[in-house]
Protein backbone atom coordinates (compact mmCIF):
# COMPACT_ATOMS: atom_id res chain seq x y z
CA MET A 1 84.10 144.61 99.27
CA THR A 2 82.89 146.34 95.71
CA THR A 3 83.66 143.55 93.43
CA ARG A 4 85.59 144.73 90.15
CA ILE A 5 84.76 144.27 86.47
CA CYS A 6 87.64 143.80 83.49
CA TYR A 7 86.33 144.45 80.46
CA ARG A 8 88.51 143.44 77.28
CA VAL A 9 88.48 143.91 74.00
CA THR A 10 90.82 141.44 71.08
CA ALA A 11 91.28 142.88 67.77
CA THR A 12 92.73 140.45 65.91
CA LEU A 13 93.75 142.55 63.05
CA PRO A 14 95.50 141.26 59.51
CA ASP A 15 98.80 142.82 59.70
CA GLU A 16 101.37 144.49 61.10
CA ALA A 17 100.12 148.23 59.59
CA THR A 18 96.68 147.60 60.59
CA ALA A 19 97.91 146.46 64.32
CA THR A 20 99.75 150.07 64.40
CA SER A 21 97.19 152.06 62.37
CA TYR A 22 94.66 149.73 65.83
CA ILE A 23 97.52 150.92 68.81
CA GLU A 24 97.38 154.79 67.05
CA TRP A 25 93.66 155.27 67.23
CA LEU A 26 93.23 153.34 70.94
CA GLU A 27 96.13 156.06 72.23
CA ASP A 28 95.28 158.96 70.86
CA GLY A 29 91.89 158.99 72.45
CA HIS A 30 90.07 155.82 72.13
CA VAL A 31 90.97 154.64 76.17
CA ASP A 32 91.50 158.12 77.11
CA ALA A 33 87.37 158.53 76.39
CA VAL A 34 86.24 154.96 78.24
CA ILE A 35 88.37 155.76 80.99
CA ASP A 36 86.27 159.02 81.46
CA GLY A 37 83.23 156.99 80.44
CA GLY A 38 84.29 155.31 83.92
CA ALA A 39 87.13 153.46 83.95
CA HIS A 40 89.62 153.56 86.33
CA ASN A 41 92.19 152.11 83.53
CA ALA A 42 93.33 150.73 80.56
CA MET A 43 96.64 148.03 79.23
CA ILE A 44 97.32 147.76 75.23
CA VAL A 45 98.32 144.63 75.12
CA ARG A 46 100.05 143.34 71.71
CA VAL A 47 99.75 139.70 71.64
CA ASP A 48 102.73 138.01 70.96
CA ARG A 49 102.62 135.57 67.56
CA ASP A 50 103.61 132.17 67.81
CA SER A 51 104.88 132.57 64.77
CA THR A 52 104.87 133.84 61.69
CA ASP A 53 101.42 132.77 60.32
CA ASP A 54 99.49 134.13 63.68
CA PRO A 55 97.01 136.81 62.76
CA PHE A 56 98.38 140.06 65.06
CA ARG A 57 95.76 140.79 67.89
CA ILE A 58 95.76 143.99 70.30
CA GLU A 59 94.39 143.35 73.73
CA THR A 60 92.35 145.78 75.30
CA LEU A 61 92.06 145.80 79.15
CA TYR A 62 89.90 148.02 81.11
CA VAL A 63 88.97 148.36 85.33
CA PHE A 64 86.18 149.87 86.10
CA PRO A 65 85.34 150.19 89.57
CA THR A 66 81.58 147.69 90.07
CA ARG A 67 79.74 146.65 87.82
CA ALA A 68 76.67 149.54 88.03
CA ALA A 69 79.79 152.17 86.62
CA PHE A 70 80.40 149.56 83.67
CA ASP A 71 76.74 148.65 82.94
CA ALA A 72 76.33 152.69 82.11
CA TYR A 73 79.08 152.07 80.16
CA VAL A 74 77.98 150.07 77.63
CA ARG A 75 74.48 152.62 78.19
CA GLN A 76 76.50 155.60 77.43
CA THR A 77 79.18 155.17 76.67
CA ALA A 78 79.73 152.38 74.65
CA PRO A 79 77.43 152.55 71.07
CA ALA A 80 78.80 155.93 70.14
CA LEU A 81 83.24 154.65 70.38
CA ARG A 82 82.26 151.23 69.14
CA GLU A 83 80.53 152.98 66.32
CA GLU A 84 83.74 155.19 66.13
CA GLY A 85 85.63 151.52 65.05
CA LEU A 86 83.83 150.62 63.05
CA LYS A 87 84.03 153.69 61.11
CA LYS A 88 87.38 153.18 61.60
CA PHE A 89 88.56 149.63 60.76
CA GLY A 90 85.18 147.88 60.47
CA SER A 91 85.88 147.76 56.56
CA VAL A 92 89.32 146.02 56.55
CA GLU A 93 88.94 142.22 55.64
CA GLY A 94 90.50 140.39 58.09
CA ILE A 95 89.35 142.57 61.00
CA SER A 96 87.58 141.15 64.35
CA PHE A 97 86.46 142.34 67.58
CA SER A 98 85.26 140.12 70.74
CA ARG A 99 83.90 141.44 74.18
CA THR A 100 84.78 139.30 77.94
CA ILE A 101 83.72 140.75 81.12
CA GLY A 102 84.56 139.11 84.13
CA VAL A 103 84.73 140.05 87.49
CA ILE A 104 88.44 140.26 89.14
CA VAL A 105 88.53 138.53 92.04
């Protein structure tokens, strides 16, 4: 049985305008580039806010067919995509990114 990998990128964003811009950027080629880099599929999730004081969070989940496919993505495709994201959003105050990787059971 092949072990599939879930790769989650969480963006914490300071306001609605930045969240909208981030989603548009994801939909305008970034997610497709990750799929071209080896993911089977992807999902963009706008996380519900419990209160107006909560930050805006967007989670993008990618499924890779194997750890080897994910590792190849990290080596070959991810550096340029991360650089592109930092160029577009890295100077925005109040934005942060986190990544988690796990085995789909």
